[in-house]
N, C-alpha and C. Protein backbone atom coordinates (compact mmCIF):
# COMPACT_ATOMS: atom_id res chain seq x y z
N MET A 1 -48.96 13.70 -34.52
CA MET A 1 -47.23 13.63 -34.18
C MET A 1 -46.65 12.81 -35.50
N ASN A 2 -45.94 13.85 -36.49
CA ASN A 2 -45.80 13.25 -37.69
C ASN A 2 -44.66 13.07 -37.25
N PHE A 3 -43.96 11.65 -37.91
CA PHE A 3 -42.51 11.16 -37.69
C PHE A 3 -41.61 10.93 -39.35
N SER A 4 -40.82 11.76 -39.57
CA SER A 4 -40.16 11.52 -40.24
C SER A 4 -38.98 10.59 -40.56
N TRP A 5 -38.83 10.45 -41.32
CA TRP A 5 -37.66 9.16 -41.62
C TRP A 5 -36.36 9.82 -42.42
N ASP A 6 -36.60 11.37 -42.51
CA ASP A 6 -35.46 11.99 -43.24
C ASP A 6 -34.36 11.81 -42.43
N ILE A 7 -32.94 11.85 -42.86
CA ILE A 7 -31.79 11.46 -42.72
C ILE A 7 -30.92 12.38 -42.96
N ASN A 8 -30.42 13.47 -42.32
CA ASN A 8 -29.77 14.42 -42.78
C ASN A 8 -28.05 14.34 -42.28
N LEU A 9 -27.57 14.97 -42.79
CA LEU A 9 -26.10 15.22 -42.19
C LEU A 9 -25.95 15.24 -40.57
N GLY A 10 -26.25 16.15 -39.90
CA GLY A 10 -26.33 16.11 -38.26
C GLY A 10 -27.28 14.57 -37.81
N HIS A 11 -27.90 14.00 -38.24
CA HIS A 11 -28.43 12.96 -37.70
C HIS A 11 -27.06 12.29 -37.87
N LEU A 12 -26.50 11.83 -38.99
CA LEU A 12 -25.51 10.69 -39.12
C LEU A 12 -24.34 11.18 -38.20
N LEU A 13 -24.31 12.57 -38.30
CA LEU A 13 -22.81 12.88 -37.60
C LEU A 13 -22.94 12.52 -35.74
N THR A 14 -24.65 12.43 -35.81
CA THR A 14 -24.69 12.20 -33.91
C THR A 14 -24.51 10.81 -33.95
N LEU A 15 -24.96 10.01 -34.61
CA LEU A 15 -25.00 8.49 -34.80
C LEU A 15 -23.41 8.18 -34.22
N LEU A 16 -22.97 8.84 -35.61
CA LEU A 16 -21.48 8.59 -35.76
C LEU A 16 -20.42 8.73 -34.87
N LEU A 17 -20.68 9.87 -34.00
CA LEU A 17 -20.29 10.62 -32.89
C LEU A 17 -20.65 9.60 -31.52
N ALA A 18 -21.67 8.72 -31.42
CA ALA A 18 -22.46 7.88 -30.29
C ALA A 18 -21.81 6.56 -30.43
N MET A 19 -21.51 6.26 -31.90
CA MET A 19 -21.36 5.00 -32.02
C MET A 19 -19.34 5.11 -31.69
N ILE A 20 -18.68 6.37 -32.18
CA ILE A 20 -17.22 6.28 -31.69
C ILE A 20 -16.84 6.42 -30.25
N GLY A 21 -17.99 6.89 -29.54
CA GLY A 21 -18.11 7.03 -27.90
C GLY A 21 -18.39 5.50 -27.40
N LEU A 22 -19.15 4.88 -28.11
CA LEU A 22 -19.26 3.53 -27.35
C LEU A 22 -18.14 2.78 -27.45
N ILE A 23 -17.46 2.43 -28.80
CA ILE A 23 -16.51 1.91 -29.25
C ILE A 23 -14.93 2.41 -28.17
N GLY A 24 -15.19 3.58 -27.89
CA GLY A 24 -13.95 4.35 -27.25
C GLY A 24 -14.25 4.08 -26.02
N GLY A 25 -15.31 3.75 -25.28
CA GLY A 25 -15.23 3.31 -23.68
C GLY A 25 -15.08 2.00 -23.50
N TYR A 26 -15.74 1.16 -25.11
CA TYR A 26 -15.20 -0.17 -24.50
C TYR A 26 -13.61 -0.40 -24.70
N VAL A 27 -13.09 -0.01 -25.55
CA VAL A 27 -11.74 -0.46 -25.71
C VAL A 27 -10.83 0.15 -24.33
N THR A 28 -11.17 1.28 -24.02
CA THR A 28 -10.80 1.98 -22.35
C THR A 28 -10.84 0.76 -21.73
N ILE A 29 -12.35 0.45 -21.09
CA ILE A 29 -12.79 -0.53 -20.35
C ILE A 29 -11.69 -1.87 -20.28
N ARG A 30 -11.64 -2.56 -21.99
CA ARG A 30 -10.65 -3.62 -21.67
C ARG A 30 -9.45 -3.47 -21.64
N ILE A 31 -8.66 -2.09 -22.01
CA ILE A 31 -7.56 -1.72 -21.77
C ILE A 31 -7.28 -1.83 -19.91
N LYS A 32 -8.30 -0.94 -19.41
CA LYS A 32 -7.59 -0.98 -17.77
C LYS A 32 -8.33 -2.16 -17.24
N THR A 33 -8.97 -3.19 -17.40
CA THR A 33 -9.17 -4.44 -17.47
C THR A 33 -7.78 -5.38 -17.16
N ALA A 34 -7.18 -5.67 -18.67
CA ALA A 34 -6.05 -5.78 -18.87
C ALA A 34 -4.66 -5.61 -17.79
N ASP A 35 -4.51 -4.13 -17.63
CA ASP A 35 -4.10 -3.15 -17.11
C ASP A 35 -4.15 -3.98 -15.51
N ASN A 36 -5.28 -4.10 -14.86
CA ASN A 36 -5.42 -4.45 -13.49
C ASN A 36 -5.34 -5.77 -13.43
N GLU A 37 -5.63 -6.53 -14.52
CA GLU A 37 -5.02 -7.68 -14.05
C GLU A 37 -3.56 -8.03 -14.41
N GLU A 38 -2.94 -7.47 -14.63
CA GLU A 38 -1.07 -7.45 -14.72
C GLU A 38 -0.92 -6.83 -13.69
N LYS A 39 -1.41 -6.10 -12.97
CA LYS A 39 -1.19 -5.14 -11.56
C LYS A 39 -1.88 -6.44 -10.29
N THR A 40 -2.75 -7.08 -10.60
CA THR A 40 -3.21 -8.03 -9.96
C THR A 40 -2.04 -9.32 -9.64
N LYS A 41 -1.96 -9.80 -10.55
CA LYS A 41 -0.52 -10.90 -10.98
C LYS A 41 0.58 -10.31 -10.08
N ALA A 42 0.93 -9.16 -10.76
CA ALA A 42 2.46 -8.58 -9.55
C ALA A 42 1.72 -8.55 -8.15
N LEU A 43 1.14 -8.18 -7.92
CA LEU A 43 0.55 -7.66 -6.65
C LEU A 43 0.42 -9.38 -5.89
N GLY A 44 -0.20 -10.23 -6.64
CA GLY A 44 0.02 -11.82 -5.94
C GLY A 44 1.52 -12.18 -5.73
N THR A 45 1.83 -11.89 -6.74
CA THR A 45 3.82 -12.35 -6.70
C THR A 45 4.30 -11.75 -5.50
N ARG A 46 4.40 -10.48 -5.16
CA ARG A 46 4.65 -9.61 -3.95
C ARG A 46 4.29 -10.04 -2.83
N VAL A 47 2.75 -11.04 -2.96
CA VAL A 47 2.49 -11.26 -1.48
C VAL A 47 2.75 -12.90 -1.33
N GLU A 48 3.19 -13.35 -1.97
CA GLU A 48 4.06 -14.33 -2.14
C GLU A 48 5.27 -14.68 -1.67
N ALA A 49 5.89 -13.40 -2.59
CA ALA A 49 7.48 -13.23 -1.82
C ALA A 49 7.54 -12.88 -0.39
N TYR A 50 6.33 -12.13 -0.02
CA TYR A 50 6.55 -11.65 1.54
C TYR A 50 5.98 -12.88 2.40
N GLY A 51 5.71 -13.51 1.60
CA GLY A 51 4.92 -14.92 2.57
C GLY A 51 6.25 -15.80 2.89
N ILE A 52 7.20 -15.89 1.67
CA ILE A 52 8.12 -16.51 2.04
C ILE A 52 9.34 -15.86 2.68
N ALA A 53 8.96 -14.54 2.68
CA ALA A 53 10.22 -14.13 3.67
C ALA A 53 10.41 -13.96 5.01
N LEU A 54 8.46 -14.23 5.57
CA LEU A 54 7.67 -14.02 6.45
C LEU A 54 8.36 -15.28 7.11
N ALA A 55 8.20 -16.57 6.12
CA ALA A 55 8.58 -17.90 6.87
C ALA A 55 9.94 -18.16 7.35
N ASP A 56 10.73 -17.74 6.19
CA ASP A 56 12.23 -17.46 6.84
C ASP A 56 12.19 -16.76 7.61
N LEU A 57 12.08 -15.57 8.04
CA LEU A 57 11.68 -14.89 9.88
C LEU A 57 11.32 -15.69 10.52
N ARG A 58 10.36 -16.43 10.53
CA ARG A 58 9.87 -17.04 11.63
C ARG A 58 10.60 -18.37 11.98
N LEU A 59 11.06 -19.05 11.12
CA LEU A 59 12.20 -20.14 11.06
C LEU A 59 13.83 -19.57 11.90
N HIS A 60 14.08 -18.54 11.45
CA HIS A 60 15.10 -17.67 11.88
C HIS A 60 14.96 -17.83 13.33
N VAL A 61 13.83 -16.63 13.75
CA VAL A 61 13.51 -16.45 15.11
C VAL A 61 13.57 -17.64 15.75
N SER A 62 12.82 -19.42 15.30
CA SER A 62 12.54 -19.65 16.25
C SER A 62 13.79 -20.76 16.52
N GLU A 63 14.82 -20.60 15.76
CA GLU A 63 16.20 -21.42 15.54
C GLU A 63 17.23 -20.17 16.34
N HIS A 64 17.04 -19.35 16.65
CA HIS A 64 18.30 -18.39 17.02
C HIS A 64 17.80 -17.32 18.12
N CYS A 65 16.54 -17.04 18.13
CA CYS A 65 16.04 -16.15 19.35
C CYS A 65 15.44 -17.15 20.62
N VAL A 66 15.78 -16.12 21.63
CA VAL A 66 15.59 -16.77 23.00
C VAL A 66 13.99 -16.72 23.36
N LYS A 67 13.35 -17.61 24.14
CA LYS A 67 11.73 -17.45 24.13
C LYS A 67 12.14 -16.56 25.61
N LYS A 68 10.86 -16.05 25.93
CA LYS A 68 10.97 -15.25 26.77
C LYS A 68 10.90 -16.23 28.23
N ASP A 69 10.78 -17.13 28.41
CA ASP A 69 10.75 -18.17 29.37
C ASP A 69 11.99 -18.38 29.69
N ASP A 70 12.68 -18.74 28.51
CA ASP A 70 13.79 -19.50 28.91
C ASP A 70 15.10 -18.21 29.24
N LEU A 71 14.87 -16.79 29.00
CA LEU A 71 15.50 -15.28 29.13
C LEU A 71 15.19 -15.10 30.68
N GLU A 72 13.96 -15.33 31.32
CA GLU A 72 13.87 -15.08 32.55
C GLU A 72 14.25 -15.82 33.18
N LYS A 73 14.51 -17.24 32.84
CA LYS A 73 15.47 -18.49 33.82
C LYS A 73 16.77 -17.97 33.83
N VAL A 74 17.36 -17.48 32.83
CA VAL A 74 18.82 -17.07 32.51
C VAL A 74 19.09 -15.84 33.77
N GLU A 75 18.11 -14.66 33.40
CA GLU A 75 18.18 -13.39 34.48
C GLU A 75 17.80 -13.82 35.66
N ASP A 76 17.25 -14.81 36.32
CA ASP A 76 17.22 -15.37 37.71
C ASP A 76 18.51 -15.99 38.05
N ARG A 77 19.06 -16.37 37.27
CA ARG A 77 20.28 -17.54 37.59
C ARG A 77 21.09 -16.53 37.89
N ILE A 78 21.37 -15.53 36.54
CA ILE A 78 22.50 -14.22 36.91
C ILE A 78 22.29 -13.57 38.03
N GLY A 79 21.07 -13.26 38.66
CA GLY A 79 21.01 -12.34 39.55
C GLY A 79 21.36 -13.32 40.78
N ARG A 80 21.24 -14.72 40.93
CA ARG A 80 21.44 -14.90 42.21
C ARG A 80 22.68 -15.08 42.07
N ARG A 81 23.16 -15.19 41.13
CA ARG A 81 24.85 -15.83 41.09
C ARG A 81 25.69 -13.92 41.34
N LEU A 82 24.83 -13.20 41.34
CA LEU A 82 25.29 -12.02 41.18
C LEU A 82 25.20 -11.49 43.27
N ASP A 83 24.19 -11.60 43.35
CA ASP A 83 23.46 -11.93 44.91
C ASP A 83 25.02 -12.53 45.60
N THR A 84 25.32 -13.46 45.00
CA THR A 84 26.70 -14.60 45.75
C THR A 84 27.70 -14.02 45.93
N VAL A 85 28.09 -13.23 44.60
CA VAL A 85 29.35 -12.77 44.43
C VAL A 85 29.34 -11.14 45.15
N GLU A 86 28.33 -10.85 45.38
CA GLU A 86 27.98 -8.99 46.30
C GLU A 86 28.09 -9.81 47.88
N HIS A 87 28.02 -10.71 48.00
CA HIS A 87 27.58 -11.44 49.39
C HIS A 87 29.22 -11.68 49.89
N THR A 88 29.79 -12.09 48.88
CA THR A 88 31.20 -12.87 48.76
C THR A 88 32.14 -11.38 49.21
N ILE A 89 31.89 -10.26 48.07
CA ILE A 89 33.03 -9.08 48.22
C ILE A 89 32.63 -8.40 49.47
N ARG A 90 31.61 -8.33 50.11
CA ARG A 90 31.38 -7.77 51.52
C ARG A 90 31.46 -8.30 52.28
N ASN A 91 32.01 -9.93 52.35
CA ASN A 91 32.58 -10.94 53.51
C ASN A 91 34.11 -11.10 53.56
N MET A 92 34.87 -10.77 51.95
CA MET A 92 36.30 -10.22 52.29
C MET A 92 36.64 -8.97 53.10
N THR A 93 35.97 -7.73 53.19
CA THR A 93 36.48 -7.08 54.25
C THR A 93 36.49 -7.19 55.49
N THR A 94 35.52 -8.03 56.27
CA THR A 94 35.58 -8.72 57.41
C THR A 94 36.71 -10.21 57.26
N THR A 95 37.05 -10.51 56.59
CA THR A 95 37.86 -11.58 56.33
C THR A 95 39.59 -10.90 56.59
N ILE A 96 39.67 -9.77 55.76
CA ILE A 96 40.75 -9.13 55.23
C ILE A 96 41.41 -8.88 56.89
N LEU A 97 40.35 -7.56 57.33
CA LEU A 97 40.47 -7.29 58.50
C LEU A 97 40.94 -8.00 59.92
N GLY A 98 40.13 -8.92 59.53
CA GLY A 98 40.41 -9.91 60.43
C GLY A 98 41.51 -10.40 60.32
N ALA A 99 42.11 -11.08 59.26
CA ALA A 99 43.35 -11.11 58.74
C ALA A 99 44.43 -10.60 59.49
N ILE A 100 44.40 -8.44 59.06
CA ILE A 100 45.40 -7.73 59.69
C ILE A 100 45.04 -7.71 61.36
N ASN A 101 44.11 -7.60 61.57
CA ASN A 101 44.17 -7.77 63.24
C ASN A 101 44.92 -8.85 63.69
N GLY A 102 44.96 -9.81 63.01
CA GLY A 102 45.59 -11.47 63.63
C GLY A 102 44.68 -12.39 63.86
N ARG A 103 43.47 -12.46 63.64
CA ARG A 103 42.50 -13.42 64.21
C ARG A 103 42.52 -14.39 63.11
N GLY A 104 43.35 -14.36 61.92
CA GLY A 104 43.47 -15.74 60.89
C GLY A 104 42.29 -15.30 60.03
N ARG A 105 41.98 -16.01 59.32
CA ARG A 105 41.05 -16.25 58.16
C ARG A 105 39.84 -16.78 58.89
N THR A 106 38.83 -15.92 58.53
CA THR A 106 37.65 -16.07 59.27
C THR A 106 36.29 -16.41 58.18
N GLY A 107 36.95 -17.18 57.50
CA GLY A 107 35.31 -17.46 56.14
C GLY A 107 35.65 -18.98 55.90
N ARG A 108 35.68 -19.58 54.62
CA ARG A 108 35.45 -20.91 54.52
C ARG A 108 36.32 -21.61 54.93
N GLY A 109 36.43 -23.03 55.39
CA GLY A 109 37.86 -23.73 55.08
C GLY A 109 38.94 -23.01 55.75
N GLY A 110 38.95 -22.05 56.52
CA GLY A 110 40.02 -21.16 57.16
C GLY A 110 39.55 -21.52 58.75
N GLY A 111 40.54 -21.71 59.70
CA GLY A 111 40.82 -21.63 60.75
C GLY A 111 41.60 -20.57 61.47
N GLU A 112 42.01 -20.27 62.14
CA GLU A 112 42.77 -19.07 63.10
C GLU A 112 44.36 -19.47 62.50
N ALA A 113 45.10 -18.23 62.75
CA ALA A 113 46.09 -18.50 62.24
C ALA A 113 46.97 -18.27 63.24
């Protein structure tokens, strides 16, 4: 096997293209790395902004919104009150008919007329 140190233009061109490829690859990687760092910083800023917005929302909800237990208590209270109103309305017909028929008032606090 004979090895020759003869360098011709083809060899130089091949080495030059390989060097240009390596330098181009290195520059491309550096540019993409810098771009990714900028994008990462921007993403971090957005995450912080969303964190602040979420904290504000939690504060708003805790100050202005009703808890489920409190809502259920109010709902029960309104339901009981509506039942009382319904009972009063149903008894009004009996009271009115009794007054018309001359029996007087037959409801709360009333006696015969």
